[in-house]
Amino acid sequence: MNQAAIITVYGRVQGVGFRYHTRKQAEVLRITGFVQNKPDGSVYIEAEGERLDEFIQWLRIGPAWARIREVVIHPGQPAGYTEFMIR
C-alpha cells in the first residue's frame, strides 16, 4: 500500500545537488512524486510509495555536501504520480 507525504527540507540544500540526488534515491526506492527548490532556500517534496519511510530517513542525511537542519513531514494523499521529477 502506497504512503504519501509532503516534505520540506531546511538547511544547506540548494546549490549542492540535493534535487538530483533526491531523484536518484527516489528511483532506487521506487518513490514517485517531485522535488523543487523554494524561494526561502528550502526544498519541497511530494512523495509516495511503499518505501517512503526509507526515503525520509535518507532525506534526514542527504547528499555529502548538504547540511540538513530540519525535515518537516506532513501526511499526504497519493496523487498517482508515475515517476519522480525535478521541478
PDB file of N, CA and C in Angstrom:
ATOM      1  N   MET A   1       0.838  -1.187   0.000  1.00  0.00           N
ATOM      2  CA  MET A   1       0.000   0.000   0.000  1.00  0.00           C
ATOM      3  C   MET A   1       0.881   1.249   0.000  1.00  0.00           C
ATOM      4  N   ASN A   2       0.613   2.161  -0.905  1.00  0.00           N
ATOM      5  CA  ASN A   2       1.403   3.377  -1.022  1.00  0.00           C
ATOM      6  C   ASN A   2       1.087   4.357   0.096  1.00  0.00           C
ATOM      7  N   GLN A   3       2.144   4.907   0.643  1.00  0.00           N
ATOM      8  CA  GLN A   3       2.036   6.003   1.595  1.00  0.00           C
ATOM      9  C   GLN A   3       2.365   7.270   0.839  1.00  0.00           C
ATOM     10  N   ALA A   4       1.923   8.411   1.354  1.00  0.00           N
ATOM     11  CA  ALA A   4       2.233   9.678   0.710  1.00  0.00           C
ATOM     12  C   ALA A   4       2.594  10.709   1.773  1.00  0.00           C
ATOM     13  N   ALA A   5       3.478  11.631   1.404  1.00  0.00           N
ATOM     14  CA  ALA A   5       3.884  12.680   2.336  1.00  0.00           C
ATOM     15  C   ALA A   5       4.256  13.944   1.581  1.00  0.00           C
ATOM     16  N   ILE A   6       4.072  15.054   2.258  1.00  0.00           N
ATOM     17  CA  ILE A   6       4.540  16.353   1.802  1.00  0.00           C
ATOM     18  C   ILE A   6       5.673  16.722   2.746  1.00  0.00           C
ATOM     19  N   ILE A   7       6.847  16.972   2.181  1.00  0.00           N
ATOM     20  CA  ILE A   7       8.070  17.115   2.975  1.00  0.00           C
ATOM     21  C   ILE A   7       8.762  18.419   2.611  1.00  0.00           C
ATOM     22  N   THR A   8       9.213  19.141   3.627  1.00  0.00           N
ATOM     23  CA  THR A   8      10.039  20.321   3.400  1.00  0.00           C
ATOM     24  C   THR A   8      11.354  20.103   4.135  1.00  0.00           C
ATOM     25  N   VAL A   9      12.460  20.303   3.424  1.00  0.00           N
ATOM     26  CA  VAL A   9      13.791  20.106   3.993  1.00  0.00           C
ATOM     27  C   VAL A   9      14.470  21.468   4.084  1.00  0.00           C
ATOM     28  N   TYR A  10      14.984  21.782   5.277  1.00  0.00           N
ATOM     29  CA  TYR A  10      15.654  23.056   5.548  1.00  0.00           C
ATOM     30  C   TYR A  10      17.129  22.813   5.838  1.00  0.00           C
ATOM     31  N   GLY A  11      17.938  23.795   5.531  1.00  0.00           N
ATOM     32  CA  GLY A  11      19.380  23.720   5.762  1.00  0.00           C
ATOM     33  C   GLY A  11      20.104  24.163   4.506  1.00  0.00           C
ATOM     34  N   ARG A  12      21.326  23.675   4.338  1.00  0.00           N
ATOM     35  CA  ARG A  12      22.057  23.947   3.092  1.00  0.00           C
ATOM     36  C   ARG A  12      21.659  22.863   2.097  1.00  0.00           C
ATOM     37  N   VAL A  13      20.576  23.132   1.374  1.00  0.00           N
ATOM     38  CA  VAL A  13      20.004  22.130   0.474  1.00  0.00           C
ATOM     39  C   VAL A  13      19.837  22.643  -0.953  1.00  0.00           C
ATOM     40  N   GLN A  14      20.255  23.852  -1.221  1.00  0.00           N
ATOM     41  CA  GLN A  14      20.232  24.366  -2.582  1.00  0.00           C
ATOM     42  C   GLN A  14      21.666  24.635  -3.013  1.00  0.00           C
ATOM     43  N   GLY A  15      21.952  24.341  -4.268  1.00  0.00           N
ATOM     44  CA  GLY A  15      23.297  24.542  -4.792  1.00  0.00           C
ATOM     45  C   GLY A  15      24.273  23.435  -4.428  1.00  0.00           C
ATOM     46  N   VAL A  16      23.748  22.307  -3.936  1.00  0.00           N
ATOM     47  CA  VAL A  16      24.610  21.191  -3.526  1.00  0.00           C
ATOM     48  C   VAL A  16      24.205  19.874  -4.193  1.00  0.00           C
ATOM     49  N   GLY A  17      23.366  19.948  -5.219  1.00  0.00           N
ATOM     50  CA  GLY A  17      22.919  18.741  -5.914  1.00  0.00           C
ATOM     51  C   GLY A  17      21.830  17.978  -5.182  1.00  0.00           C
ATOM     52  N   PHE A  18      21.172  18.646  -4.248  1.00  0.00           N
ATOM     53  CA  PHE A  18      20.174  17.956  -3.428  1.00  0.00           C
ATOM     54  C   PHE A  18      19.034  17.393  -4.257  1.00  0.00           C
ATOM     55  N   ARG A  19      18.488  18.165  -5.189  1.00  0.00           N
ATOM     56  CA  ARG A  19      17.360  17.675  -6.002  1.00  0.00           C
ATOM     57  C   ARG A  19      17.779  16.487  -6.864  1.00  0.00           C
ATOM     58  N   TYR A  20      18.943  16.576  -7.476  1.00  0.00           N
ATOM     59  CA  TYR A  20      19.442  15.484  -8.318  1.00  0.00           C
ATOM     60  C   TYR A  20      19.583  14.195  -7.500  1.00  0.00           C
ATOM     61  N   HIS A  21      20.229  14.286  -6.347  1.00  0.00           N
ATOM     62  CA  HIS A  21      20.454  13.098  -5.524  1.00  0.00           C
ATOM     63  C   HIS A  21      19.149  12.586  -4.917  1.00  0.00           C
ATOM     64  N   THR A  22      18.222  13.498  -4.642  1.00  0.00           N
ATOM     65  CA  THR A  22      16.916  13.078  -4.139  1.00  0.00           C
ATOM     66  C   THR A  22      16.187  12.265  -5.203  1.00  0.00           C
ATOM     67  N   ARG A  23      16.232  12.721  -6.444  1.00  0.00           N
ATOM     68  CA  ARG A  23      15.597  11.960  -7.524  1.00  0.00           C
ATOM     69  C   ARG A  23      16.252  10.585  -7.669  1.00  0.00           C
ATOM     70  N   LYS A  24      17.576  10.527  -7.614  1.00  0.00           N
ATOM     71  CA  LYS A  24      18.276   9.240  -7.736  1.00  0.00           C
ATOM     72  C   LYS A  24      17.846   8.277  -6.626  1.00  0.00           C
ATOM     73  N   GLN A  25      17.768   8.775  -5.395  1.00  0.00           N
ATOM     74  CA  GLN A  25      17.364   7.923  -4.270  1.00  0.00           C
ATOM     75  C   GLN A  25      15.905   7.498  -4.415  1.00  0.00           C
ATOM     76  N   ALA A  26      15.064   8.401  -4.888  1.00  0.00           N
ATOM     77  CA  ALA A  26      13.655   8.053  -5.115  1.00  0.00           C
ATOM     78  C   ALA A  26      13.543   6.932  -6.142  1.00  0.00           C
ATOM     79  N   GLU A  27      14.335   7.002  -7.197  1.00  0.00           N
ATOM     80  CA  GLU A  27      14.304   5.955  -8.213  1.00  0.00           C
ATOM     81  C   GLU A  27      14.739   4.617  -7.634  1.00  0.00           C
ATOM     82  N   VAL A  28      15.761   4.614  -6.795  1.00  0.00           N
ATOM     83  CA  VAL A  28      16.238   3.372  -6.164  1.00  0.00           C
ATOM     84  C   VAL A  28      15.134   2.754  -5.310  1.00  0.00           C
ATOM     85  N   LEU A  29      14.401   3.601  -4.579  1.00  0.00           N
ATOM     86  CA  LEU A  29      13.373   3.120  -3.653  1.00  0.00           C
ATOM     87  C   LEU A  29      11.982   3.027  -4.286  1.00  0.00           C
ATOM     88  N   ARG A  30      11.897   3.341  -5.577  1.00  0.00           N
ATOM     89  CA  ARG A  30      10.623   3.320  -6.304  1.00  0.00           C
ATOM     90  C   ARG A  30       9.605   4.285  -5.694  1.00  0.00           C
ATOM     91  N   ILE A  31      10.086   5.458  -5.368  1.00  0.00           N
ATOM     92  CA  ILE A  31       9.238   6.542  -4.868  1.00  0.00           C
ATOM     93  C   ILE A  31       8.869   7.424  -6.052  1.00  0.00           C
ATOM     94  N   THR A  32       7.639   7.858  -6.111  1.00  0.00           N
ATOM     95  CA  THR A  32       7.202   8.764  -7.160  1.00  0.00           C
ATOM     96  C   THR A  32       6.818  10.105  -6.544  1.00  0.00           C
ATOM     97  N   GLY A  33       6.789  11.147  -7.393  1.00  0.00           N
ATOM     98  CA  GLY A  33       6.440  12.481  -6.928  1.00  0.00           C
ATOM     99  C   GLY A  33       7.343  13.508  -7.569  1.00  0.00           C
ATOM    100  N   PHE A  34       7.710  14.546  -6.784  1.00  0.00           N
ATOM    101  CA  PHE A  34       8.599  15.572  -7.316  1.00  0.00           C
ATOM    102  C   PHE A  34       9.341  16.284  -6.196  1.00  0.00           C
ATOM    103  N   VAL A  35      10.403  16.976  -6.590  1.00  0.00           N
ATOM    104  CA  VAL A  35      11.201  17.805  -5.686  1.00  0.00           C
ATOM    105  C   VAL A  35      11.413  19.151  -6.370  1.00  0.00           C
ATOM    106  N   GLN A  36      11.357  20.229  -5.582  1.00  0.00           N
ATOM    107  CA  GLN A  36      11.606  21.555  -6.154  1.00  0.00           C
ATOM    108  C   GLN A  36      12.196  22.484  -5.100  1.00  0.00           C
ATOM    109  N   ASN A  37      13.025  23.422  -5.565  1.00  0.00           N
ATOM    110  CA  ASN A  37      13.568  24.449  -4.689  1.00  0.00           C
ATOM    111  C   ASN A  37      12.492  25.481  -4.397  1.00  0.00           C
ATOM    112  N   LYS A  38      12.535  26.044  -3.190  1.00  0.00           N
ATOM    113  CA  LYS A  38      11.615  27.105  -2.806  1.00  0.00           C
ATOM    114  C   LYS A  38      12.397  28.405  -2.630  1.00  0.00           C
ATOM    115  N   PRO A  39      11.741  29.545  -2.811  1.00  0.00           N
ATOM    116  CA  PRO A  39      12.437  30.838  -2.697  1.00  0.00           C
ATOM    117  C   PRO A  39      13.095  31.078  -1.337  1.00  0.00           C
ATOM    118  N   ASP A  40      12.602  30.440  -0.282  1.00  0.00           N
ATOM    119  CA  ASP A  40      13.172  30.657   1.052  1.00  0.00           C
ATOM    120  C   ASP A  40      14.437  29.830   1.301  1.00  0.00           C
ATOM    121  N   GLY A  41      14.908  29.082   0.290  1.00  0.00           N
ATOM    122  CA  GLY A  41      16.121  28.278   0.429  1.00  0.00           C
ATOM    123  C   GLY A  41      15.861  26.836   0.829  1.00  0.00           C
ATOM    124  N   SER A  42      14.616  26.487   1.074  1.00  0.00           N
ATOM    125  CA  SER A  42      14.272  25.109   1.426  1.00  0.00           C
ATOM    126  C   SER A  42      14.000  24.307   0.158  1.00  0.00           C
ATOM    127  N   VAL A  43      13.757  23.014   0.345  1.00  0.00           N
ATOM    128  CA  VAL A  43      13.387  22.130  -0.752  1.00  0.00           C
ATOM    129  C   VAL A  43      12.048  21.490  -0.380  1.00  0.00           C
ATOM    130  N   TYR A  44      11.119  21.512  -1.334  1.00  0.00           N
ATOM    131  CA  TYR A  44       9.766  20.971  -1.158  1.00  0.00           C
ATOM    132  C   TYR A  44       9.653  19.668  -1.942  1.00  0.00           C
ATOM    133  N   ILE A  45       9.069  18.655  -1.302  1.00  0.00           N
ATOM    134  CA  ILE A  45       8.953  17.334  -1.921  1.00  0.00           C
ATOM    135  C   ILE A  45       7.546  16.788  -1.706  1.00  0.00           C
ATOM    136  N   GLU A  46       6.959  16.280  -2.753  1.00  0.00           N
ATOM    137  CA  GLU A  46       5.765  15.447  -2.643  1.00  0.00           C
ATOM    138  C   GLU A  46       6.200  14.058  -3.058  1.00  0.00           C
ATOM    139  N   ALA A  47       5.969  13.087  -2.186  1.00  0.00           N
ATOM    140  CA  ALA A  47       6.477  11.732  -2.434  1.00  0.00           C
ATOM    141  C   ALA A  47       5.454  10.694  -2.038  1.00  0.00           C
ATOM    142  N   GLU A  48       5.454   9.594  -2.784  1.00  0.00           N
ATOM    143  CA  GLU A  48       4.579   8.478  -2.439  1.00  0.00           C
ATOM    144  C   GLU A  48       5.233   7.169  -2.860  1.00  0.00           C
ATOM    145  N   GLY A  49       4.941   6.130  -2.102  1.00  0.00           N
ATOM    146  CA  GLY A  49       5.483   4.815  -2.398  1.00  0.00           C
ATOM    147  C   GLY A  49       5.498   3.946  -1.162  1.00  0.00           C
ATOM    148  N   GLU A  50       5.749   2.671  -1.361  1.00  0.00           N
ATOM    149  CA  GLU A  50       5.757   1.724  -0.254  1.00  0.00           C
ATOM    150  C   GLU A  50       6.958   1.902   0.671  1.00  0.00           C
ATOM    151  N   ARG A  51       8.054   2.414   0.142  1.00  0.00           N
ATOM    152  CA  ARG A  51       9.281   2.550   0.943  1.00  0.00           C
ATOM    153  C   ARG A  51       9.516   4.004   1.356  1.00  0.00           C
ATOM    154  N   LEU A  52       8.429   4.711   1.615  1.00  0.00           N
ATOM    155  CA  LEU A  52       8.501   6.124   1.956  1.00  0.00           C
ATOM    156  C   LEU A  52       9.321   6.363   3.227  1.00  0.00           C
ATOM    157  N   ASP A  53       9.200   5.497   4.215  1.00  0.00           N
ATOM    158  CA  ASP A  53       9.960   5.669   5.461  1.00  0.00           C
ATOM    159  C   ASP A  53      11.466   5.641   5.195  1.00  0.00           C
ATOM    160  N   GLU A  54      11.921   4.752   4.333  1.00  0.00           N
ATOM    161  CA  GLU A  54      13.351   4.695   3.983  1.00  0.00           C
ATOM    162  C   GLU A  54      13.787   5.969   3.267  1.00  0.00           C
ATOM    163  N   PHE A  55      12.926   6.465   2.387  1.00  0.00           N
ATOM    164  CA  PHE A  55      13.214   7.702   1.659  1.00  0.00           C
ATOM    165  C   PHE A  55      13.362   8.872   2.633  1.00  0.00           C
ATOM    166  N   ILE A  56      12.470   8.962   3.586  1.00  0.00           N
ATOM    167  CA  ILE A  56      12.527  10.049   4.573  1.00  0.00           C
ATOM    168  C   ILE A  56      13.795   9.931   5.414  1.00  0.00           C
ATOM    169  N   GLN A  57      14.177   8.722   5.774  1.00  0.00           N
ATOM    170  CA  GLN A  57      15.430   8.552   6.531  1.00  0.00           C
ATOM    171  C   GLN A  57      16.619   9.066   5.715  1.00  0.00           C
ATOM    172  N   TRP A  58      16.628   8.794   4.404  1.00  0.00           N
ATOM    173  CA  TRP A  58      17.705   9.298   3.559  1.00  0.00           C
ATOM    174  C   TRP A  58      17.681  10.821   3.522  1.00  0.00           C
ATOM    175  N   LEU A  59      16.490  11.418   3.449  1.00  0.00           N
ATOM    176  CA  LEU A  59      16.383  12.881   3.404  1.00  0.00           C
ATOM    177  C   LEU A  59      16.968  13.532   4.657  1.00  0.00           C
ATOM    178  N   ARG A  60      16.919  12.877   5.775  1.00  0.00           N
ATOM    179  CA  ARG A  60      17.466  13.432   7.026  1.00  0.00           C
ATOM    180  C   ARG A  60      18.993  13.542   6.969  1.00  0.00           C
ATOM    181  N   ILE A  61      19.611  12.811   6.037  1.00  0.00           N
ATOM    182  CA  ILE A  61      21.069  12.845   5.859  1.00  0.00           C
ATOM    183  C   ILE A  61      21.424  13.602   4.588  1.00  0.00           C
ATOM    184  N   GLY A  62      20.781  13.253   3.464  1.00  0.00           N
ATOM    185  CA  GLY A  62      21.009  13.919   2.187  1.00  0.00           C
ATOM    186  C   GLY A  62      22.363  13.592   1.595  1.00  0.00           C
ATOM    187  N   PRO A  63      22.692  14.243   0.475  1.00  0.00           N
ATOM    188  CA  PRO A  63      23.999  14.024  -0.156  1.00  0.00           C
ATOM    189  C   PRO A  63      25.115  14.656   0.665  1.00  0.00           C
ATOM    190  N   ALA A  64      26.346  14.325   0.315  1.00  0.00           N
ATOM    191  CA  ALA A  64      27.514  14.716   1.117  1.00  0.00           C
ATOM    192  C   ALA A  64      27.635  16.217   1.353  1.00  0.00           C
ATOM    193  N   TRP A  65      27.299  17.045   0.375  1.00  0.00           N
ATOM    194  CA  TRP A  65      27.519  18.490   0.506  1.00  0.00           C
ATOM    195  C   TRP A  65      26.382  19.201   1.210  1.00  0.00           C
ATOM    196  N   ALA A  66      25.259  18.531   1.393  1.00  0.00           N
ATOM    197  CA  ALA A  66      24.116  19.145   2.069  1.00  0.00           C
ATOM    198  C   ALA A  66      24.332  19.145   3.581  1.00  0.00           C
ATOM    199  N   ARG A  67      23.697  20.088   4.242  1.00  0.00           N
ATOM    200  CA  ARG A  67      23.679  20.136   5.699  1.00  0.00           C
ATOM    201  C   ARG A  67      22.215  20.296   6.105  1.00  0.00           C
ATOM    202  N   ILE A  68      21.620  19.196   6.529  1.00  0.00           N
ATOM    203  CA  ILE A  68      20.198  19.180   6.857  1.00  0.00           C
ATOM    204  C   ILE A  68      20.010  19.729   8.269  1.00  0.00           C
ATOM    205  N   ARG A  69      19.173  20.741   8.374  1.00  0.00           N
ATOM    206  CA  ARG A  69      18.867  21.322   9.684  1.00  0.00           C
ATOM    207  C   ARG A  69      17.548  20.777  10.220  1.00  0.00           C
ATOM    208  N   GLU A  70      16.560  20.621   9.314  1.00  0.00           N
ATOM    209  CA  GLU A  70      15.237  20.180   9.750  1.00  0.00           C
ATOM    210  C   GLU A  70      14.493  19.553   8.567  1.00  0.00           C
ATOM    211  N   VAL A  71      13.718  18.513   8.874  1.00  0.00           N
ATOM    212  CA  VAL A  71      12.845  17.887   7.878  1.00  0.00           C
ATOM    213  C   VAL A  71      11.433  17.904   8.462  1.00  0.00           C
ATOM    214  N   VAL A  72      10.536  18.605   7.791  1.00  0.00           N
ATOM    215  CA  VAL A  72       9.151  18.704   8.242  1.00  0.00           C
ATOM    216  C   VAL A  72       8.300  17.822   7.335  1.00  0.00           C
ATOM    217  N   ILE A  73       7.528  16.929   7.951  1.00  0.00           N
ATOM    218  CA  ILE A  73       6.755  15.939   7.203  1.00  0.00           C
ATOM    219  C   ILE A  73       5.283  16.082   7.558  1.00  0.00           C
ATOM    220  N   HIS A  74       4.460  16.143   6.524  1.00  0.00           N
ATOM    221  CA  HIS A  74       3.006  16.146   6.700  1.00  0.00           C
ATOM    222  C   HIS A  74       2.437  14.981   5.900  1.00  0.00           C
ATOM    223  N   PRO A  75       1.440  14.284   6.445  1.00  0.00           N
ATOM    224  CA  PRO A  75       0.811  13.213   5.677  1.00  0.00           C
ATOM    225  C   PRO A  75       0.178  13.773   4.411  1.00  0.00           C
ATOM    226  N   GLY A  76       0.204  12.989   3.378  1.00  0.00           N
ATOM    227  CA  GLY A  76      -0.406  13.397   2.117  1.00  0.00           C
ATOM    228  C   GLY A  76      -1.322  12.313   1.592  1.00  0.00           C
ATOM    229  N   GLN A  77      -2.020  12.635   0.545  1.00  0.00           N
ATOM    230  CA  GLN A  77      -2.872  11.671  -0.148  1.00  0.00           C
ATOM    231  C   GLN A  77      -2.165  11.255  -1.439  1.00  0.00           C
ATOM    232  N   PRO A  78      -2.104   9.967  -1.744  1.00  0.00           N
ATOM    233  CA  PRO A  78      -1.483   9.551  -3.004  1.00  0.00           C
ATOM    234  C   PRO A  78      -2.125  10.267  -4.193  1.00  0.00           C
ATOM    235  N   ALA A  79      -1.275  10.823  -5.052  1.00  0.00           N
ATOM    236  CA  ALA A  79      -1.740  11.574  -6.216  1.00  0.00           C
ATOM    237  C   ALA A  79      -1.607  10.771  -7.507  1.00  0.00           C
ATOM    238  N   GLY A  80      -1.031   9.579  -7.414  1.00  0.00           N
ATOM    239  CA  GLY A  80      -0.890   8.749  -8.597  1.00  0.00           C
ATOM    240  C   GLY A  80       0.261   9.135  -9.503  1.00  0.00           C
ATOM    241  N   TYR A  81       1.319   9.718  -8.949  1.00  0.00           N
ATOM    242  CA  TYR A  81       2.498  10.049  -9.762  1.00  0.00           C
ATOM    243  C   TYR A  81       3.046   8.766 -10.375  1.00  0.00           C
ATOM    244  N   THR A  82       3.598   8.878 -11.558  1.00  0.00           N
ATOM    245  CA  THR A  82       4.163   7.700 -12.233  1.00  0.00           C
ATOM    246  C   THR A  82       5.687   7.715 -12.281  1.00  0.00           C
ATOM    247  N   GLU A  83       6.292   8.836 -11.878  1.00  0.00           N
ATOM    248  CA  GLU A  83       7.749   8.954 -11.832  1.00  0.00           C
ATOM    249  C   GLU A  83       8.110   9.989 -10.780  1.00  0.00           C
ATOM    250  N   PHE A  84       9.407  10.174 -10.566  1.00  0.00           N
ATOM    251  CA  PHE A  84       9.873  11.206  -9.643  1.00  0.00           C
ATOM    252  C   PHE A  84      10.589  12.259 -10.474  1.00  0.00           C
ATOM    253  N   MET A  85      10.122  13.496 -10.390  1.00  0.00           N
ATOM    254  CA  MET A  85      10.620  14.569 -11.246  1.00  0.00           C
ATOM    255  C   MET A  85      11.284  15.669 -10.431  1.00  0.00           C
ATOM    256  N   ILE A  86      12.205  16.361 -11.083  1.00  0.00           N
ATOM    257  CA  ILE A  86      12.761  17.599 -10.562  1.00  0.00           C
ATOM    258  C   ILE A  86      11.991  18.732 -11.213  1.00  0.00           C
ATOM    259  N   ARG A  87      11.498  19.626 -10.406  1.00  0.00           N
ATOM    260  CA  ARG A  87      10.776  20.803 -10.943  1.00  0.00           C
ATOM    261  C   ARG A  87      11.577  22.059 -10.692  1.00  0.00           C
TER     262      ARG A  87
END
